[in-house]
Amino acid sequence: MKVRDVMTPAVITVTPETTFKETAERLLDYGVSGMPVVDGHGHLVGLVTEADLMSKEAFDNRHRRPLEILLDTITGHARYAGKAAGLTAGAVMTTDLVTASPGEDIRAAARRMLDRGVKRLPVVEDGRLVGIVSRHDLLRLFHRRDADVAAEIETKLASPLHCPEKHQVTFSVVEGVVTLEGQVCFAGEVPVVEGMAWRVPGVVHVVNAITYERPDGG
């Protein structure tokens, strides 16, 4: 499954010129924790999050002593402290972005989210923002009935690879866990059948108990 299949195409955005107050209000009004920042041509230029906006209250120099400001560099808070004086989305946004493309596999996107510790990935094609994919979008893949998962696996396994008379694979799905049993003709077909099951959205785990009649080429 590709990112385009699970992403949200209608994205709430702001521009670099959007005021700080309007940006905060839009986050609250739409109940989101971050928004892409786009220019007049729809190109992605940044991302503004709740953390970016909180920097004003946490690090505004009006409320802090010179020693506290000095400690920012030592503690690694300088990035947020530098945004505290920002009055627009462009002044507080994050520009070191992690993105996804609509045609990439959702597993790669999920790994990138975890590796970089982000909650969402703007989806970009030719520099233009075309959607956004969040952890919530990916978790929705597991919100499928076992019967729906089983029906899709049944379709994938309908055509045997070789030796129809020996291709006798059965399976069950319980709480998203697929158990494969039965027999195929060649050893090399065992991981192929398992891969078919893994690629079905909603599969949590695959238990492969398939046997084979003979080694490959035998």
N, C-alpha and C. Protein backbone atom coordinates (compact mmCIF):
# COMPACT_ATOMS: atom_id res chain seq x y z
N MET A 1 0.85 -1.19 0.00
CA MET A 1 0.00 0.00 0.00
C MET A 1 0.88 1.24 0.00
N LYS A 2 0.44 2.24 -0.72
CA LYS A 2 1.23 3.45 -0.88
C LYS A 2 0.73 4.58 0.03
N VAL A 3 1.60 5.57 0.21
CA VAL A 3 1.24 6.72 1.04
C VAL A 3 -0.02 7.40 0.52
N ARG A 4 -0.17 7.49 -0.80
CA ARG A 4 -1.34 8.17 -1.37
C ARG A 4 -2.65 7.49 -0.96
N ASP A 5 -2.58 6.21 -0.58
CA ASP A 5 -3.79 5.48 -0.21
C ASP A 5 -4.28 5.83 1.18
N VAL A 6 -3.42 6.38 2.03
CA VAL A 6 -3.81 6.65 3.42
C VAL A 6 -3.67 8.11 3.81
N MET A 7 -3.02 8.92 2.99
CA MET A 7 -2.78 10.32 3.36
C MET A 7 -4.07 11.13 3.35
N THR A 8 -4.04 12.26 4.02
CA THR A 8 -5.14 13.23 3.98
C THR A 8 -4.80 14.27 2.92
N PRO A 9 -5.58 14.33 1.83
CA PRO A 9 -5.24 15.26 0.75
C PRO A 9 -5.64 16.71 1.05
N ALA A 10 -6.71 16.90 1.82
CA ALA A 10 -7.17 18.25 2.15
C ALA A 10 -6.44 18.71 3.41
N VAL A 11 -5.39 19.49 3.23
CA VAL A 11 -4.51 19.86 4.33
C VAL A 11 -4.76 21.29 4.78
N ILE A 12 -4.82 21.48 6.10
CA ILE A 12 -4.92 22.83 6.66
C ILE A 12 -3.51 23.43 6.63
N THR A 13 -3.35 24.56 5.99
CA THR A 13 -2.03 25.17 5.84
C THR A 13 -2.05 26.64 6.26
N VAL A 14 -0.86 27.19 6.39
CA VAL A 14 -0.67 28.62 6.57
C VAL A 14 0.44 29.05 5.62
N THR A 15 0.61 30.35 5.47
CA THR A 15 1.70 30.88 4.66
C THR A 15 2.75 31.48 5.59
N PRO A 16 3.93 31.77 5.08
CA PRO A 16 4.94 32.38 5.94
C PRO A 16 4.50 33.71 6.54
N GLU A 17 3.56 34.39 5.88
CA GLU A 17 3.12 35.69 6.35
C GLU A 17 1.98 35.62 7.36
N THR A 18 1.40 34.44 7.56
CA THR A 18 0.31 34.30 8.53
C THR A 18 0.80 34.71 9.91
N THR A 19 0.02 35.53 10.60
CA THR A 19 0.46 36.03 11.90
C THR A 19 0.54 34.93 12.94
N PHE A 20 1.33 35.19 13.96
CA PHE A 20 1.48 34.23 15.05
C PHE A 20 0.12 33.90 15.65
N LYS A 21 -0.68 34.90 15.93
CA LYS A 21 -1.98 34.70 16.57
C LYS A 21 -2.91 33.88 15.69
N GLU A 22 -2.96 34.21 14.41
CA GLU A 22 -3.83 33.47 13.50
C GLU A 22 -3.37 32.02 13.36
N THR A 23 -2.07 31.81 13.37
CA THR A 23 -1.54 30.45 13.27
C THR A 23 -1.97 29.62 14.48
N ALA A 24 -1.83 30.21 15.67
CA ALA A 24 -2.24 29.51 16.89
C ALA A 24 -3.73 29.22 16.88
N GLU A 25 -4.51 30.18 16.44
CA GLU A 25 -5.96 30.00 16.40
C GLU A 25 -6.36 28.89 15.42
N ARG A 26 -5.65 28.83 14.32
CA ARG A 26 -5.99 27.81 13.33
C ARG A 26 -5.67 26.41 13.86
N LEU A 27 -4.55 26.26 14.56
CA LEU A 27 -4.23 24.98 15.18
C LEU A 27 -5.34 24.56 16.14
N LEU A 28 -5.79 25.49 16.96
CA LEU A 28 -6.81 25.19 17.95
C LEU A 28 -8.16 24.93 17.29
N ASP A 29 -8.53 25.75 16.33
CA ASP A 29 -9.84 25.62 15.68
C ASP A 29 -9.99 24.28 14.96
N TYR A 30 -8.91 23.82 14.34
CA TYR A 30 -8.99 22.58 13.56
C TYR A 30 -8.54 21.35 14.36
N GLY A 31 -8.09 21.58 15.60
CA GLY A 31 -7.71 20.46 16.44
C GLY A 31 -6.52 19.67 15.93
N VAL A 32 -5.55 20.36 15.34
CA VAL A 32 -4.33 19.70 14.85
C VAL A 32 -3.13 20.22 15.64
N SER A 33 -2.07 19.44 15.66
CA SER A 33 -0.89 19.84 16.42
C SER A 33 0.22 20.40 15.54
N GLY A 34 -0.01 20.44 14.23
CA GLY A 34 0.99 21.00 13.34
C GLY A 34 0.39 21.25 11.97
N MET A 35 0.93 22.22 11.25
CA MET A 35 0.45 22.57 9.92
C MET A 35 1.61 22.86 8.98
N PRO A 36 1.51 22.42 7.72
CA PRO A 36 2.51 22.79 6.74
C PRO A 36 2.42 24.28 6.42
N VAL A 37 3.55 24.86 6.08
CA VAL A 37 3.63 26.25 5.65
C VAL A 37 3.97 26.23 4.16
N VAL A 38 3.12 26.86 3.34
CA VAL A 38 3.33 26.83 1.89
C VAL A 38 3.42 28.24 1.34
N ASP A 39 4.11 28.37 0.22
CA ASP A 39 4.19 29.69 -0.41
C ASP A 39 3.00 29.88 -1.36
N GLY A 40 3.00 30.96 -2.09
CA GLY A 40 1.88 31.27 -2.96
C GLY A 40 1.67 30.30 -4.10
N HIS A 41 2.64 29.43 -4.37
CA HIS A 41 2.54 28.45 -5.44
C HIS A 41 2.27 27.05 -4.92
N GLY A 42 2.01 26.94 -3.63
CA GLY A 42 1.73 25.63 -3.05
C GLY A 42 2.96 24.81 -2.72
N HIS A 43 4.14 25.42 -2.80
CA HIS A 43 5.36 24.69 -2.47
C HIS A 43 5.57 24.68 -0.95
N LEU A 44 5.98 23.55 -0.44
CA LEU A 44 6.22 23.40 0.99
C LEU A 44 7.50 24.13 1.38
N VAL A 45 7.39 25.00 2.38
CA VAL A 45 8.57 25.75 2.83
C VAL A 45 8.87 25.51 4.32
N GLY A 46 7.94 24.89 5.03
CA GLY A 46 8.19 24.66 6.45
C GLY A 46 7.02 23.96 7.11
N LEU A 47 7.14 23.78 8.41
CA LEU A 47 6.09 23.16 9.22
C LEU A 47 6.06 23.88 10.55
N VAL A 48 4.87 24.29 10.98
CA VAL A 48 4.74 24.97 12.27
C VAL A 48 3.94 24.07 13.20
N THR A 49 4.45 23.87 14.40
CA THR A 49 3.84 22.95 15.36
C THR A 49 3.50 23.68 16.66
N GLU A 50 2.79 22.97 17.52
CA GLU A 50 2.49 23.52 18.84
C GLU A 50 3.77 23.89 19.57
N ALA A 51 4.79 23.04 19.45
CA ALA A 51 6.06 23.30 20.15
C ALA A 51 6.69 24.60 19.65
N ASP A 52 6.61 24.84 18.33
CA ASP A 52 7.16 26.09 17.79
C ASP A 52 6.47 27.29 18.41
N LEU A 53 5.15 27.23 18.53
CA LEU A 53 4.40 28.36 19.06
C LEU A 53 4.60 28.51 20.57
N MET A 54 4.78 27.40 21.27
CA MET A 54 4.99 27.46 22.72
C MET A 54 6.30 28.14 23.09
N SER A 55 7.20 28.24 22.11
CA SER A 55 8.50 28.87 22.39
C SER A 55 8.33 30.31 22.85
N LYS A 56 7.25 30.99 22.41
CA LYS A 56 7.06 32.38 22.79
C LYS A 56 6.84 32.50 24.30
N GLU A 57 6.02 31.62 24.86
CA GLU A 57 5.77 31.67 26.29
C GLU A 57 6.96 31.15 27.09
N ALA A 58 7.62 30.13 26.55
CA ALA A 58 8.70 29.48 27.29
C ALA A 58 10.01 30.27 27.27
N PHE A 59 10.27 30.96 26.15
CA PHE A 59 11.58 31.57 25.99
C PHE A 59 11.56 33.05 25.65
N ASP A 60 10.41 33.69 25.74
CA ASP A 60 10.35 35.13 25.46
C ASP A 60 11.27 35.87 26.44
N ASN A 61 12.18 36.67 25.91
CA ASN A 61 13.19 37.34 26.75
C ASN A 61 12.61 38.31 27.77
N ARG A 62 11.36 38.72 27.57
CA ARG A 62 10.76 39.64 28.52
C ARG A 62 10.60 39.01 29.90
N HIS A 63 10.51 37.69 29.94
CA HIS A 63 10.26 37.00 31.20
C HIS A 63 11.50 36.29 31.74
N ARG A 64 12.64 36.52 31.11
CA ARG A 64 13.79 35.72 31.48
C ARG A 64 15.01 36.59 31.79
N ARG A 65 15.85 36.03 32.61
CA ARG A 65 17.06 36.74 33.02
C ARG A 65 18.20 36.44 32.05
N PRO A 66 19.22 37.32 32.00
CA PRO A 66 20.34 37.10 31.08
C PRO A 66 20.99 35.73 31.25
N LEU A 67 21.10 35.25 32.50
CA LEU A 67 21.73 33.94 32.73
C LEU A 67 20.92 32.83 32.08
N GLU A 68 19.60 32.94 32.12
CA GLU A 68 18.75 31.93 31.51
C GLU A 68 18.96 31.91 30.00
N ILE A 69 19.09 33.09 29.43
CA ILE A 69 19.31 33.18 27.98
C ILE A 69 20.64 32.53 27.60
N LEU A 70 21.65 32.75 28.43
CA LEU A 70 22.97 32.16 28.19
C LEU A 70 22.90 30.64 28.27
N LEU A 71 22.11 30.12 29.19
CA LEU A 71 22.01 28.67 29.37
C LEU A 71 21.32 27.97 28.20
N ASP A 72 20.58 28.73 27.41
CA ASP A 72 19.89 28.12 26.27
C ASP A 72 20.87 27.40 25.35
N THR A 73 21.99 28.04 25.10
CA THR A 73 22.99 27.45 24.22
C THR A 73 23.56 26.17 24.82
N ILE A 74 23.77 26.18 26.12
CA ILE A 74 24.35 25.02 26.80
C ILE A 74 23.37 23.86 26.84
N THR A 75 22.10 24.14 27.08
CA THR A 75 21.09 23.08 27.23
C THR A 75 20.47 22.64 25.92
N GLY A 76 20.80 23.29 24.81
CA GLY A 76 20.23 22.91 23.53
C GLY A 76 18.89 23.54 23.23
N HIS A 77 18.49 24.54 24.01
CA HIS A 77 17.21 25.20 23.80
C HIS A 77 17.30 26.41 22.87
N ALA A 78 18.48 26.65 22.35
CA ALA A 78 18.68 27.85 21.52
C ALA A 78 17.74 27.87 20.32
N ARG A 79 17.43 26.69 19.77
CA ARG A 79 16.56 26.63 18.59
C ARG A 79 15.19 27.22 18.90
N TYR A 80 14.63 26.87 20.04
CA TYR A 80 13.32 27.40 20.41
C TYR A 80 13.42 28.84 20.90
N ALA A 81 14.50 29.14 21.61
CA ALA A 81 14.67 30.50 22.10
C ALA A 81 14.75 31.49 20.95
N GLY A 82 15.33 31.07 19.84
CA GLY A 82 15.44 31.94 18.69
C GLY A 82 14.10 32.24 18.03
N LYS A 83 13.11 31.40 18.29
CA LYS A 83 11.79 31.59 17.71
C LYS A 83 10.88 32.45 18.58
N ALA A 84 11.30 32.71 19.80
CA ALA A 84 10.43 33.37 20.77
C ALA A 84 9.97 34.76 20.32
N ALA A 85 10.79 35.44 19.55
CA ALA A 85 10.42 36.79 19.11
C ALA A 85 9.62 36.80 17.81
N GLY A 86 9.37 35.61 17.24
CA GLY A 86 8.68 35.53 15.96
C GLY A 86 7.25 36.02 16.02
N LEU A 87 6.83 36.72 14.96
CA LEU A 87 5.47 37.26 14.89
C LEU A 87 4.66 36.64 13.75
N THR A 88 5.29 35.77 12.98
CA THR A 88 4.61 35.12 11.86
C THR A 88 4.93 33.64 11.84
N ALA A 89 4.16 32.90 11.06
CA ALA A 89 4.43 31.46 10.93
C ALA A 89 5.82 31.23 10.34
N GLY A 90 6.21 32.08 9.40
CA GLY A 90 7.52 31.93 8.79
C GLY A 90 8.66 32.14 9.76
N ALA A 91 8.44 32.95 10.80
CA ALA A 91 9.50 33.23 11.77
C ALA A 91 9.67 32.12 12.80
N VAL A 92 8.63 31.32 12.99
CA VAL A 92 8.72 30.27 14.02
C VAL A 92 8.73 28.87 13.43
N MET A 93 8.48 28.73 12.15
CA MET A 93 8.35 27.39 11.55
C MET A 93 9.67 26.63 11.57
N THR A 94 9.54 25.32 11.45
CA THR A 94 10.69 24.43 11.32
C THR A 94 10.94 24.19 9.84
N THR A 95 12.16 24.33 9.41
CA THR A 95 12.48 24.17 7.99
C THR A 95 13.26 22.89 7.69
N ASP A 96 13.77 22.24 8.74
CA ASP A 96 14.46 20.96 8.55
C ASP A 96 13.39 19.86 8.53
N LEU A 97 12.81 19.65 7.35
CA LEU A 97 11.62 18.83 7.24
C LEU A 97 11.91 17.38 6.85
N VAL A 98 11.05 16.51 7.36
CA VAL A 98 11.04 15.11 6.94
C VAL A 98 9.75 14.93 6.16
N THR A 99 9.85 14.48 4.92
CA THR A 99 8.68 14.38 4.06
C THR A 99 8.51 12.97 3.51
N ALA A 100 7.41 12.78 2.82
CA ALA A 100 7.13 11.52 2.13
C ALA A 100 6.67 11.85 0.72
N SER A 101 6.72 10.86 -0.14
CA SER A 101 6.19 11.04 -1.49
C SER A 101 4.95 10.17 -1.64
N PRO A 102 4.01 10.55 -2.47
CA PRO A 102 2.75 9.80 -2.57
C PRO A 102 2.92 8.37 -3.04
N GLY A 103 3.98 8.09 -3.79
CA GLY A 103 4.14 6.75 -4.34
C GLY A 103 4.98 5.80 -3.52
N GLU A 104 5.48 6.24 -2.36
CA GLU A 104 6.33 5.34 -1.58
C GLU A 104 5.51 4.44 -0.67
N ASP A 105 6.11 3.33 -0.30
CA ASP A 105 5.44 2.34 0.54
C ASP A 105 5.19 2.90 1.94
N ILE A 106 4.02 2.58 2.50
CA ILE A 106 3.68 3.13 3.81
C ILE A 106 4.61 2.62 4.90
N ARG A 107 5.21 1.44 4.71
CA ARG A 107 6.12 0.93 5.73
C ARG A 107 7.36 1.81 5.83
N ALA A 108 7.84 2.29 4.69
CA ALA A 108 9.00 3.17 4.70
C ALA A 108 8.65 4.49 5.39
N ALA A 109 7.45 4.99 5.14
CA ALA A 109 7.02 6.24 5.78
C ALA A 109 6.89 6.05 7.29
N ALA A 110 6.35 4.91 7.71
CA ALA A 110 6.19 4.63 9.14
C ALA A 110 7.55 4.55 9.83
N ARG A 111 8.51 3.90 9.20
CA ARG A 111 9.86 3.81 9.78
C ARG A 111 10.49 5.19 9.90
N ARG A 112 10.27 6.04 8.89
CA ARG A 112 10.84 7.38 8.92
C ARG A 112 10.26 8.19 10.08
N MET A 113 8.97 8.06 10.30
CA MET A 113 8.35 8.76 11.43
C MET A 113 9.00 8.35 12.75
N LEU A 114 9.18 7.05 12.93
CA LEU A 114 9.76 6.56 14.18
C LEU A 114 11.23 6.95 14.31
N ASP A 115 11.97 6.81 13.21
CA ASP A 115 13.40 7.15 13.24
C ASP A 115 13.63 8.61 13.58
N ARG A 116 12.79 9.50 13.04
CA ARG A 116 12.99 10.92 13.24
C ARG A 116 12.13 11.48 14.38
N GLY A 117 11.31 10.65 14.99
CA GLY A 117 10.50 11.09 16.13
C GLY A 117 9.48 12.15 15.78
N VAL A 118 8.86 12.03 14.60
CA VAL A 118 7.86 13.01 14.18
C VAL A 118 6.48 12.35 14.15
N LYS A 119 5.43 13.18 14.25
CA LYS A 119 4.06 12.67 14.29
C LYS A 119 3.38 12.70 12.93
N ARG A 120 3.96 13.43 12.00
CA ARG A 120 3.33 13.57 10.68
C ARG A 120 4.39 13.82 9.62
N LEU A 121 4.07 13.47 8.39
CA LEU A 121 4.96 13.74 7.26
C LEU A 121 4.18 14.48 6.18
N PRO A 122 4.60 15.67 5.83
CA PRO A 122 4.01 16.31 4.65
C PRO A 122 4.31 15.45 3.43
N VAL A 123 3.35 15.32 2.55
CA VAL A 123 3.53 14.52 1.34
C VAL A 123 3.76 15.48 0.18
N VAL A 124 4.90 15.34 -0.47
CA VAL A 124 5.34 16.31 -1.47
C VAL A 124 5.59 15.62 -2.80
N GLU A 125 5.14 16.27 -3.86
CA GLU A 125 5.40 15.79 -5.22
C GLU A 125 5.83 16.98 -6.08
N ASP A 126 7.03 16.89 -6.64
CA ASP A 126 7.60 17.99 -7.42
C ASP A 126 7.63 19.29 -6.63
N GLY A 127 7.92 19.19 -5.34
CA GLY A 127 8.04 20.36 -4.48
C GLY A 127 6.74 20.90 -3.94
N ARG A 128 5.62 20.43 -4.46
CA ARG A 128 4.32 20.93 -4.04
C ARG A 128 3.69 20.01 -2.99
N LEU A 129 3.03 20.61 -2.04
CA LEU A 129 2.34 19.85 -1.00
C LEU A 129 1.07 19.23 -1.59
N VAL A 130 0.95 17.91 -1.49
CA VAL A 130 -0.23 17.21 -2.02
C VAL A 130 -1.03 16.49 -0.94
N GLY A 131 -0.51 16.49 0.30
CA GLY A 131 -1.22 15.82 1.38
C GLY A 131 -0.37 15.75 2.63
N ILE A 132 -0.89 15.08 3.62
CA ILE A 132 -0.13 14.86 4.85
C ILE A 132 -0.52 13.49 5.39
N VAL A 133 0.46 12.77 5.90
CA VAL A 133 0.20 11.46 6.49
C VAL A 133 0.67 11.49 7.94
N SER A 134 -0.18 11.05 8.83
CA SER A 134 0.11 11.09 10.26
C SER A 134 0.19 9.68 10.84
N ARG A 135 0.64 9.59 12.08
CA ARG A 135 0.63 8.31 12.77
C ARG A 135 -0.79 7.75 12.84
N HIS A 136 -1.75 8.64 13.04
CA HIS A 136 -3.14 8.22 13.12
C HIS A 136 -3.59 7.57 11.81
N ASP A 137 -3.17 8.15 10.69
CA ASP A 137 -3.53 7.58 9.38
C ASP A 137 -3.00 6.16 9.25
N LEU A 138 -1.77 5.94 9.70
CA LEU A 138 -1.16 4.62 9.59
C LEU A 138 -1.80 3.63 10.55
N LEU A 139 -2.18 4.09 11.72
CA LEU A 139 -2.83 3.19 12.68
C LEU A 139 -4.21 2.75 12.19
N ARG A 140 -4.85 3.57 11.35
CA ARG A 140 -6.16 3.21 10.82
C ARG A 140 -6.10 1.93 9.99
N LEU A 141 -4.91 1.58 9.49
CA LEU A 141 -4.77 0.34 8.70
C LEU A 141 -5.14 -0.88 9.53
N PHE A 142 -4.95 -0.78 10.85
CA PHE A 142 -5.25 -1.93 11.70
C PHE A 142 -6.68 -1.93 12.19
N HIS A 143 -7.44 -0.91 11.77
CA HIS A 143 -8.84 -0.83 12.17
C HIS A 143 -9.70 -1.51 11.10
N ARG A 144 -9.41 -2.82 10.91
CA ARG A 144 -10.15 -3.60 9.93
C ARG A 144 -10.66 -4.87 10.59
N ARG A 145 -11.83 -5.30 10.18
CA ARG A 145 -12.37 -6.55 10.71
C ARG A 145 -11.55 -7.73 10.20
N ASP A 146 -11.44 -8.75 11.03
CA ASP A 146 -10.73 -9.96 10.61
C ASP A 146 -11.34 -10.54 9.33
N ALA A 147 -12.67 -10.42 9.20
CA ALA A 147 -13.33 -10.97 8.02
C ALA A 147 -12.89 -10.24 6.75
N ASP A 148 -12.66 -8.93 6.85
CA ASP A 148 -12.22 -8.16 5.69
C ASP A 148 -10.79 -8.52 5.31
N VAL A 149 -9.95 -8.70 6.34
CA VAL A 149 -8.57 -9.11 6.09
C VAL A 149 -8.55 -10.49 5.45
N ALA A 150 -9.37 -11.40 5.97
CA ALA A 150 -9.41 -12.77 5.44
C ALA A 150 -9.88 -12.79 3.99
N ALA A 151 -10.86 -11.95 3.67
CA ALA A 151 -11.37 -11.92 2.29
C ALA A 151 -10.29 -11.48 1.31
N GLU A 152 -9.46 -10.52 1.72
CA GLU A 152 -8.40 -10.05 0.84
C GLU A 152 -7.30 -11.10 0.68
N ILE A 153 -6.99 -11.78 1.77
CA ILE A 153 -5.98 -12.85 1.69
C ILE A 153 -6.49 -13.97 0.79
N GLU A 154 -7.77 -14.30 0.92
CA GLU A 154 -8.37 -15.35 0.09
C GLU A 154 -8.21 -15.02 -1.39
N THR A 155 -8.41 -13.77 -1.74
CA THR A 155 -8.27 -13.36 -3.13
C THR A 155 -6.83 -13.50 -3.61
N LYS A 156 -5.89 -13.11 -2.76
CA LYS A 156 -4.48 -13.19 -3.15
C LYS A 156 -4.01 -14.63 -3.32
N LEU A 157 -4.56 -15.54 -2.53
CA LEU A 157 -4.12 -16.93 -2.57
C LEU A 157 -4.95 -17.77 -3.53
N ALA A 158 -5.87 -17.15 -4.26
CA ALA A 158 -6.78 -17.91 -5.11
C ALA A 158 -6.06 -18.63 -6.25
N SER A 159 -5.00 -18.03 -6.77
CA SER A 159 -4.28 -18.62 -7.90
C SER A 159 -2.99 -19.27 -7.41
N PRO A 160 -2.88 -20.60 -7.48
CA PRO A 160 -1.66 -21.27 -7.03
C PRO A 160 -0.48 -20.91 -7.92
N LEU A 161 0.70 -20.94 -7.32
CA LEU A 161 1.91 -20.58 -8.06
C LEU A 161 2.33 -21.70 -9.01
N HIS A 162 2.39 -22.90 -8.49
CA HIS A 162 2.77 -24.08 -9.27
C HIS A 162 2.00 -25.29 -8.71
N CYS A 163 1.98 -26.36 -9.47
CA CYS A 163 1.42 -27.63 -9.00
C CYS A 163 0.08 -27.44 -8.30
N PRO A 164 -0.97 -27.09 -9.01
CA PRO A 164 -2.26 -26.84 -8.37
C PRO A 164 -2.72 -27.96 -7.46
N GLU A 165 -2.38 -29.19 -7.83
CA GLU A 165 -2.83 -30.32 -7.01
C GLU A 165 -2.11 -30.37 -5.66
N LYS A 166 -0.96 -29.66 -5.56
CA LYS A 166 -0.20 -29.65 -4.30
C LYS A 166 -0.36 -28.33 -3.54
N HIS A 167 -0.99 -27.38 -4.18
CA HIS A 167 -1.15 -26.06 -3.55
C HIS A 167 -2.41 -26.09 -2.69
N GLN A 168 -2.21 -26.39 -1.43
CA GLN A 168 -3.34 -26.54 -0.51
C GLN A 168 -3.10 -25.71 0.75
N VAL A 169 -3.11 -24.42 0.58
CA VAL A 169 -2.84 -23.50 1.69
C VAL A 169 -4.15 -23.07 2.32
N THR A 170 -4.22 -23.18 3.64
CA THR A 170 -5.36 -22.68 4.39
C THR A 170 -4.85 -21.63 5.39
N PHE A 171 -5.76 -20.84 5.92
CA PHE A 171 -5.33 -19.80 6.85
C PHE A 171 -6.48 -19.42 7.77
N SER A 172 -6.12 -18.74 8.84
CA SER A 172 -7.11 -18.17 9.74
C SER A 172 -6.62 -16.79 10.15
N VAL A 173 -7.55 -15.92 10.55
CA VAL A 173 -7.21 -14.57 11.00
C VAL A 173 -7.91 -14.32 12.33
N VAL A 174 -7.13 -14.07 13.36
CA VAL A 174 -7.67 -13.79 14.68
C VAL A 174 -6.97 -12.56 15.25
N GLU A 175 -7.73 -11.49 15.48
CA GLU A 175 -7.17 -10.24 15.99
C GLU A 175 -6.01 -9.73 15.13
N GLY A 176 -6.15 -9.91 13.83
CA GLY A 176 -5.14 -9.43 12.90
C GLY A 176 -3.96 -10.36 12.70
N VAL A 177 -3.87 -11.43 13.48
CA VAL A 177 -2.78 -12.40 13.35
C VAL A 177 -3.20 -13.49 12.37
N VAL A 178 -2.43 -13.65 11.30
CA VAL A 178 -2.72 -14.62 10.26
C VAL A 178 -1.89 -15.87 10.48
N THR A 179 -2.55 -17.02 10.50
CA THR A 179 -1.85 -18.31 10.60
C THR A 179 -2.01 -19.05 9.28
N LEU A 180 -0.90 -19.32 8.63
CA LEU A 180 -0.89 -20.02 7.35
C LEU A 180 -0.52 -21.48 7.58
N GLU A 181 -1.29 -22.37 6.98
CA GLU A 181 -1.02 -23.80 7.08
C GLU A 181 -1.20 -24.44 5.72
N GLY A 182 -0.86 -25.71 5.62
CA GLY A 182 -1.03 -26.42 4.36
C GLY A 182 0.30 -26.65 3.66
N GLN A 183 0.24 -26.88 2.35
CA GLN A 183 1.42 -27.26 1.59
C GLN A 183 1.45 -26.60 0.22
N VAL A 184 2.68 -26.28 -0.21
CA VAL A 184 2.90 -25.82 -1.58
C VAL A 184 3.86 -26.78 -2.25
N CYS A 185 4.12 -26.53 -3.53
CA CYS A 185 4.94 -27.47 -4.28
C CYS A 185 6.43 -27.31 -3.96
N PHE A 186 6.96 -26.08 -4.09
CA PHE A 186 8.39 -25.85 -3.93
C PHE A 186 8.70 -25.04 -2.67
N ALA A 187 9.89 -25.23 -2.14
CA ALA A 187 10.32 -24.54 -0.93
C ALA A 187 10.29 -23.03 -1.10
N GLY A 188 10.68 -22.57 -2.28
CA GLY A 188 10.74 -21.13 -2.52
C GLY A 188 9.40 -20.44 -2.51
N GLU A 189 8.32 -21.22 -2.60
CA GLU A 189 6.99 -20.62 -2.59
C GLU A 189 6.50 -20.30 -1.18
N VAL A 190 7.13 -20.89 -0.18
CA VAL A 190 6.71 -20.66 1.21
C VAL A 190 6.83 -19.19 1.58
N PRO A 191 8.02 -18.55 1.40
CA PRO A 191 8.11 -17.13 1.75
C PRO A 191 7.28 -16.23 0.83
N VAL A 192 7.03 -16.69 -0.41
CA VAL A 192 6.21 -15.90 -1.33
C VAL A 192 4.78 -15.79 -0.81
N VAL A 193 4.23 -16.91 -0.36
CA VAL A 193 2.88 -16.92 0.17
C VAL A 193 2.81 -16.08 1.45
N GLU A 194 3.83 -16.20 2.30
CA GLU A 194 3.86 -15.40 3.52
C GLU A 194 3.89 -13.90 3.18
N GLY A 195 4.67 -13.55 2.16
CA GLY A 195 4.74 -12.14 1.75
C GLY A 195 3.40 -11.62 1.26
N MET A 196 2.63 -12.46 0.59
CA MET A 196 1.29 -12.06 0.15
C MET A 196 0.42 -11.67 1.33
N ALA A 197 0.50 -12.47 2.39
CA ALA A 197 -0.30 -12.19 3.58
C ALA A 197 0.16 -10.91 4.26
N TRP A 198 1.47 -10.73 4.38
CA TRP A 198 2.00 -9.53 5.05
C TRP A 198 1.56 -8.25 4.34
N ARG A 199 1.38 -8.29 3.05
CA ARG A 199 1.06 -7.07 2.31
C ARG A 199 -0.41 -6.65 2.41
N VAL A 200 -1.21 -7.44 3.09
CA VAL A 200 -2.62 -7.09 3.25
C VAL A 200 -2.77 -6.10 4.40
N PRO A 201 -3.36 -4.94 4.18
CA PRO A 201 -3.55 -3.96 5.25
C PRO A 201 -4.35 -4.55 6.40
N GLY A 202 -3.89 -4.28 7.62
CA GLY A 202 -4.58 -4.77 8.80
C GLY A 202 -3.93 -5.99 9.41
N VAL A 203 -2.96 -6.59 8.71
CA VAL A 203 -2.27 -7.76 9.26
C VAL A 203 -1.28 -7.32 10.32
N VAL A 204 -1.41 -7.89 11.51
CA VAL A 204 -0.54 -7.55 12.64
C VAL A 204 0.68 -8.47 12.67
N HIS A 205 0.47 -9.75 12.35
CA HIS A 205 1.57 -10.71 12.39
C HIS A 205 1.18 -11.91 11.53
N VAL A 206 2.18 -12.62 11.02
CA VAL A 206 1.93 -13.82 10.22
C VAL A 206 2.69 -14.99 10.83
N VAL A 207 1.95 -16.05 11.15
CA VAL A 207 2.55 -17.30 11.62
C VAL A 207 2.55 -18.25 10.43
N ASN A 208 3.73 -18.61 9.97
CA ASN A 208 3.86 -19.41 8.76
C ASN A 208 4.16 -20.87 9.12
N ALA A 209 3.16 -21.74 8.94
CA ALA A 209 3.33 -23.17 9.20
C ALA A 209 3.20 -23.97 7.91
N ILE A 210 3.45 -23.35 6.78
CA ILE A 210 3.32 -24.01 5.48
C ILE A 210 4.50 -24.96 5.26
N THR A 211 4.21 -26.11 4.71
CA THR A 211 5.26 -27.06 4.33
C THR A 211 5.34 -27.11 2.80
N TYR A 212 6.33 -27.83 2.28
CA TYR A 212 6.48 -27.94 0.82
C TYR A 212 6.78 -29.38 0.47
N GLU A 213 6.46 -29.74 -0.79
CA GLU A 213 6.65 -31.10 -1.23
C GLU A 213 8.10 -31.43 -1.55
N ARG A 214 8.77 -30.47 -2.21
CA ARG A 214 10.15 -30.74 -2.61
C ARG A 214 10.94 -29.44 -2.71
N PRO A 215 12.27 -29.53 -2.62
CA PRO A 215 13.11 -28.32 -2.73
C PRO A 215 12.96 -27.69 -4.11
N ASP A 216 13.36 -26.47 -4.23
CA ASP A 216 13.30 -25.80 -5.52
C ASP A 216 14.10 -26.55 -6.54
N GLY A 217 13.49 -26.74 -7.73
CA GLY A 217 14.19 -27.41 -8.83
C GLY A 217 14.21 -28.91 -8.68
N GLY A 218 13.56 -29.43 -7.63
CA GLY A 218 13.59 -30.87 -7.41
C GLY A 218 12.59 -31.62 -8.28
